[in-house]
Amino acid sequence: MYGWRPVLISPPHLLYRPALTGMVVETLPYPESLEDRLHALEDYSERTFKPVDSVLQEVVERAHAHNMPDIHVGNMDGLTLEVIIRMAGYKKASTMVEVGALAGFSGIVIARALGPGGHLHTIEFNPDYAEVARESFRKAGLEDRVTVHIGRASQVLEQLAELGPFDGIFIDADKDNYPVYLDWAEKNIRVGGGVFGDNTFGFGHVWRDPEDFEEQHLRSAISGLRSFNARLADNPNFRATILPTDQGLTMAVRIK
């Protein structure tokens, strides 16, 4: 009864402590800027929940050693994805698809969550990146749970459709083609399965009109992400939401 408890009082950085003589209000140090607050919360989250273990850290270092871009799924987003997949309780021998293997960071997260008997089909366009991903899966002891496919995602997905339906798909690739990958998911994800899309806040710009951007690749990326989010939100066959993580993580479950 006599501990510290946060309460919704204004300003938001106040806490109160019940006391025999009444309520004692104290002011705690509060980062001044929104950016500082977000960084502080991110640091706290990673220190507390430790999303990157030694295996995943090796993947990050391996990617750097091969001069690969540092664009793997966010640390906390990866942990969130793992927890959600585990909570979903996919049956033994569940299968998922990943679009965008890169060095294997998110693939390891997914394969772990699926557990023994589960299988991940991950797609990578760049052959050199695909080989790095294979090495990551071997080092993690997960090579029997993961098949790496090399090629254009839309073409590989057509081939994988013969193996479906699947229990889920994780999309972290070219943003302008998210709607194309959603087309496939709508046909090949079973009822109860999940659709996950990374970076769906469009690096903070998804709320903007795509025509606001001069560069065509930015217009296409934002347009693709907006379409992906809107279609999942409005599709009666799915129940969807977007987690307000650093970059946005859209997730949906097929309900019919």
Protein backbone atom coordinates (compact mmCIF):
# COMPACT_ATOMS: atom_id res chain seq x y z
CA MET A 1 0.00 0.00 0.00
CA TYR A 2 2.81 2.39 0.82
CA GLY A 3 4.92 2.10 -2.37
CA TRP A 4 5.29 4.45 -5.31
CA ARG A 5 2.52 4.26 -7.89
CA PRO A 6 2.20 6.15 -11.20
CA VAL A 7 -1.10 7.95 -11.74
CA LEU A 8 -2.61 9.90 -14.59
CA ILE A 9 -2.29 13.42 -13.30
CA SER A 10 -1.05 16.47 -15.12
CA PRO A 11 1.77 17.12 -15.80
CA PRO A 12 2.54 13.46 -16.66
CA HIS A 13 5.89 13.30 -14.87
CA LEU A 14 4.38 13.43 -11.38
CA LEU A 15 4.09 10.46 -9.04
CA TYR A 16 2.24 10.25 -5.78
CA ARG A 17 2.92 8.35 -2.57
CA PRO A 18 0.01 7.60 -0.24
CA ALA A 19 0.80 8.72 3.30
CA LEU A 20 -1.05 8.71 6.58
CA THR A 21 -1.35 12.48 6.40
CA GLY A 22 -2.58 12.59 2.79
CA MET A 23 -1.13 12.55 -0.71
CA VAL A 24 2.48 13.61 -1.21
CA VAL A 25 3.21 14.85 -4.73
CA GLU A 26 6.77 14.75 -6.03
CA THR A 27 8.31 15.86 -9.31
CA LEU A 28 10.74 13.47 -11.02
CA PRO A 29 13.39 14.42 -13.60
CA TYR A 30 11.85 14.30 -17.07
CA PRO A 31 13.69 14.47 -20.41
CA GLU A 32 12.88 17.80 -21.97
CA SER A 33 12.41 16.87 -25.63
CA LEU A 34 10.19 14.18 -27.12
CA GLU A 35 13.22 12.70 -28.88
CA ASP A 36 15.09 12.42 -25.58
CA ARG A 37 12.10 10.73 -23.95
CA LEU A 38 11.80 8.20 -26.76
CA HIS A 39 15.52 7.39 -26.61
CA ALA A 40 15.32 7.02 -22.83
CA LEU A 41 12.38 4.62 -23.12
CA GLU A 42 14.11 2.65 -25.87
CA ASP A 43 17.26 2.32 -23.78
CA TYR A 44 15.22 1.23 -20.77
CA SER A 45 13.32 -1.38 -22.80
CA GLU A 46 16.47 -2.94 -24.23
CA ARG A 47 18.25 -2.98 -20.87
CA THR A 48 15.26 -4.61 -19.20
CA PHE A 49 14.07 -7.13 -21.78
CA LYS A 50 17.43 -7.84 -23.49
CA PRO A 51 16.12 -8.59 -27.00
CA VAL A 52 19.54 -9.36 -28.53
CA ASP A 53 21.37 -12.43 -27.26
CA SER A 54 24.83 -13.61 -28.31
CA VAL A 55 23.51 -15.43 -31.38
CA LEU A 56 21.69 -12.38 -32.73
CA GLN A 57 24.65 -10.15 -31.89
CA GLU A 58 26.81 -12.41 -34.04
CA VAL A 59 24.36 -11.90 -36.90
CA VAL A 60 24.70 -8.13 -36.56
CA GLU A 61 28.49 -8.40 -36.54
CA ARG A 62 28.44 -10.79 -39.50
CA ALA A 63 26.34 -8.35 -41.49
CA HIS A 64 28.77 -5.53 -40.71
CA ALA A 65 31.72 -7.71 -41.72
CA HIS A 66 30.09 -8.25 -45.12
CA ASN A 67 29.28 -4.55 -45.53
CA MET A 68 25.56 -5.22 -45.46
CA PRO A 69 23.14 -2.39 -44.64
CA ASP A 70 22.14 -2.07 -40.99
CA ILE A 71 18.43 -2.46 -41.66
CA HIS A 72 17.45 -5.63 -39.83
CA VAL A 73 14.22 -5.62 -37.85
CA GLY A 74 14.46 -3.42 -34.76
CA ASN A 75 15.69 -5.19 -31.65
CA MET A 76 12.47 -4.74 -29.65
CA ASP A 77 10.33 -5.31 -32.75
CA GLY A 78 12.05 -8.66 -33.25
CA LEU A 79 11.35 -9.65 -29.67
CA THR A 80 7.74 -8.53 -30.05
CA LEU A 81 7.41 -10.67 -33.17
CA GLU A 82 8.80 -13.71 -31.36
CA VAL A 83 6.48 -13.28 -28.39
CA ILE A 84 3.42 -12.87 -30.63
CA ILE A 85 4.22 -15.99 -32.66
CA ARG A 86 4.75 -18.01 -29.50
CA MET A 87 1.51 -16.67 -28.00
CA ALA A 88 -0.38 -17.62 -31.15
CA GLY A 89 0.32 -21.24 -30.27
CA TYR A 90 0.82 -22.40 -33.83
CA LYS A 91 0.42 -26.13 -34.11
CA LYS A 92 3.41 -28.42 -34.47
CA ALA A 93 4.83 -28.34 -38.00
CA SER A 94 3.66 -24.76 -38.55
CA THR A 95 5.17 -23.02 -41.56
CA MET A 96 5.83 -19.34 -42.17
CA VAL A 97 7.20 -17.24 -45.00
CA GLU A 98 9.57 -14.30 -44.71
CA VAL A 99 10.09 -11.73 -47.45
CA GLY A 100 13.53 -10.20 -46.95
CA ALA A 101 16.12 -12.44 -45.27
CA LEU A 102 19.07 -10.03 -45.24
CA ALA A 103 21.60 -11.58 -42.79
CA GLY A 104 19.09 -13.82 -41.01
CA PHE A 105 18.31 -11.77 -37.88
CA SER A 106 14.50 -11.87 -38.12
CA GLY A 107 14.61 -15.35 -39.62
CA ILE A 108 16.29 -16.65 -36.47
CA VAL A 109 13.68 -14.91 -34.35
CA ILE A 110 10.84 -16.54 -36.30
CA ALA A 111 12.41 -20.01 -36.51
CA ARG A 112 12.98 -20.04 -32.76
CA ALA A 113 9.38 -19.05 -32.13
CA LEU A 114 8.02 -21.78 -34.41
CA GLY A 115 9.94 -24.38 -32.44
CA PRO A 116 10.97 -27.93 -33.40
CA GLY A 117 8.91 -29.22 -36.31
CA GLY A 118 8.15 -25.74 -37.58
CA HIS A 119 9.65 -24.41 -40.79
CA LEU A 120 10.43 -21.01 -42.27
CA HIS A 121 10.76 -20.25 -45.96
CA THR A 122 12.74 -17.02 -46.26
CA ILE A 123 13.26 -15.12 -49.50
CA GLU A 124 16.28 -12.99 -50.41
CA PHE A 125 16.90 -11.29 -53.75
CA ASN A 126 20.64 -10.75 -53.26
CA PRO A 127 22.60 -14.05 -53.58
CA ASP A 128 25.46 -12.76 -51.42
CA TYR A 129 23.07 -11.77 -48.63
CA ALA A 130 21.34 -15.14 -48.93
CA GLU A 131 24.64 -16.94 -48.30
CA VAL A 132 25.27 -14.80 -45.22
CA ALA A 133 21.79 -15.70 -43.98
CA ARG A 134 22.48 -19.40 -44.51
CA GLU A 135 25.64 -19.06 -42.45
CA SER A 136 23.66 -17.35 -39.69
CA PHE A 137 21.11 -20.16 -39.61
CA ARG A 138 23.88 -22.77 -39.50
CA LYS A 139 25.66 -21.00 -36.65
CA ALA A 140 22.36 -20.73 -34.76
CA GLY A 141 21.66 -24.45 -35.18
CA LEU A 142 18.49 -23.72 -37.15
CA GLU A 143 19.42 -24.80 -40.66
CA ASP A 144 16.97 -27.70 -40.49
CA ARG A 145 14.12 -25.27 -39.77
CA VAL A 146 14.85 -22.72 -42.50
CA THR A 147 14.93 -22.86 -46.30
CA VAL A 148 16.53 -19.87 -48.02
CA HIS A 149 15.11 -19.05 -51.45
CA ILE A 150 16.97 -16.73 -53.81
CA GLY A 151 15.10 -14.60 -56.32
CA ARG A 152 12.47 -11.96 -56.84
CA ALA A 153 9.97 -12.30 -54.02
CA SER A 154 6.85 -12.16 -56.17
CA GLN A 155 8.12 -15.06 -58.29
CA VAL A 156 9.28 -17.18 -55.35
CA LEU A 157 5.95 -16.63 -53.60
CA GLU A 158 4.13 -18.02 -56.62
CA GLN A 159 6.21 -21.18 -56.35
CA LEU A 160 5.69 -21.45 -52.59
CA ALA A 161 1.92 -21.24 -53.00
CA GLU A 162 1.97 -24.93 -53.94
CA LEU A 163 3.12 -25.73 -50.37
CA GLY A 164 0.41 -23.72 -48.63
CA PRO A 165 -1.64 -22.71 -46.86
CA PHE A 166 0.83 -21.13 -44.44
CA ASP A 167 0.54 -20.07 -40.82
CA GLY A 168 2.02 -16.64 -41.31
CA ILE A 169 4.12 -14.23 -43.35
CA PHE A 170 6.60 -11.59 -42.20
CA ILE A 171 7.28 -8.82 -44.71
CA ASP A 172 10.38 -6.65 -44.42
CA ALA A 173 11.46 -5.80 -47.94
CA ASP A 174 10.80 -3.24 -50.69
CA LYS A 175 8.02 -1.05 -49.31
CA ASP A 176 6.42 -0.26 -52.66
CA ASN A 177 5.65 -3.94 -53.15
CA TYR A 178 3.99 -4.56 -49.77
CA PRO A 179 0.56 -4.59 -51.51
CA VAL A 180 1.84 -7.27 -53.91
CA TYR A 181 2.94 -9.45 -51.01
CA LEU A 182 -0.39 -8.84 -49.33
CA ASP A 183 -2.16 -10.08 -52.47
CA TRP A 184 -0.35 -13.37 -51.98
CA ALA A 185 -1.02 -13.47 -48.24
CA GLU A 186 -4.75 -13.00 -48.73
CA LYS A 187 -4.78 -16.19 -50.79
CA ASN A 188 -2.25 -18.32 -48.94
CA ILE A 189 -2.50 -17.62 -45.20
CA ARG A 190 -4.85 -19.95 -43.35
CA VAL A 191 -7.62 -18.88 -40.99
CA GLY A 192 -5.93 -18.17 -37.67
CA GLY A 193 -2.67 -17.31 -39.40
CA GLY A 194 -0.87 -13.99 -39.21
CA VAL A 195 0.37 -11.25 -41.51
CA PHE A 196 3.21 -9.09 -40.17
CA GLY A 197 4.69 -6.03 -41.87
CA ASP A 198 7.74 -4.14 -40.62
CA ASN A 199 8.52 -0.41 -41.02
CA THR A 200 4.86 0.38 -41.59
CA PHE A 201 5.17 3.86 -40.13
CA GLY A 202 7.21 4.63 -43.22
CA PHE A 203 10.09 5.98 -41.13
CA GLY A 204 7.70 8.52 -39.66
CA HIS A 205 6.17 9.63 -42.96
CA VAL A 206 3.27 7.22 -43.57
CA TRP A 207 0.73 9.87 -42.53
CA ARG A 208 1.83 12.14 -45.37
CA ASP A 209 0.42 12.31 -48.88
CA PRO A 210 2.82 10.41 -51.16
CA GLU A 211 2.68 13.34 -53.56
CA ASP A 212 4.45 15.45 -50.93
CA PHE A 213 7.71 13.75 -51.93
CA GLU A 214 9.74 14.79 -54.94
CA GLU A 215 11.63 11.51 -55.26
CA GLN A 216 9.68 8.80 -57.05
CA HIS A 217 11.05 5.99 -54.86
CA LEU A 218 9.76 7.76 -51.73
CA ARG A 219 6.34 8.34 -53.28
CA SER A 220 6.16 4.67 -54.22
CA ALA A 221 7.30 3.48 -50.79
CA ILE A 222 4.84 5.61 -48.82
CA SER A 223 2.03 4.79 -51.23
CA GLY A 224 2.75 1.07 -50.86
CA LEU A 225 2.78 1.21 -47.07
CA ARG A 226 -0.41 3.26 -46.88
CA SER A 227 -2.16 0.80 -49.19
CA PHE A 228 -0.90 -2.18 -47.17
CA ASN A 229 -2.13 -0.74 -43.88
CA ALA A 230 -5.48 0.44 -45.25
CA ARG A 231 -6.26 -2.83 -46.98
CA LEU A 232 -5.59 -4.89 -43.87
CA ALA A 233 -7.58 -2.48 -41.74
CA ASP A 234 -10.59 -2.66 -44.07
CA ASN A 235 -10.46 -6.35 -45.03
CA PRO A 236 -13.32 -8.22 -43.29
CA ASN A 237 -11.28 -11.43 -43.47
CA PHE A 238 -8.63 -10.00 -41.15
CA ARG A 239 -8.48 -8.27 -37.78
CA ALA A 240 -5.51 -5.93 -37.85
CA THR A 241 -3.64 -3.34 -35.83
CA ILE A 242 -0.37 -1.44 -35.92
CA LEU A 243 1.94 -1.53 -32.93
CA PRO A 244 3.45 1.91 -32.27
CA THR A 245 7.00 0.63 -32.14
CA ASP A 246 9.91 2.74 -33.34
CA GLN A 247 9.22 1.99 -37.01
CA GLY A 248 5.71 0.57 -36.79
CA LEU A 249 4.80 -3.12 -36.86
CA THR A 250 1.52 -3.96 -38.58
CA MET A 251 0.02 -7.31 -37.69
CA ALA A 252 -3.19 -9.03 -38.63
CA VAL A 253 -4.85 -12.35 -37.94
CA ARG A 254 -7.04 -14.04 -40.53
CA ILE A 255 -10.46 -14.58 -38.98
CA LYS A 256 -12.36 -16.06 -41.91
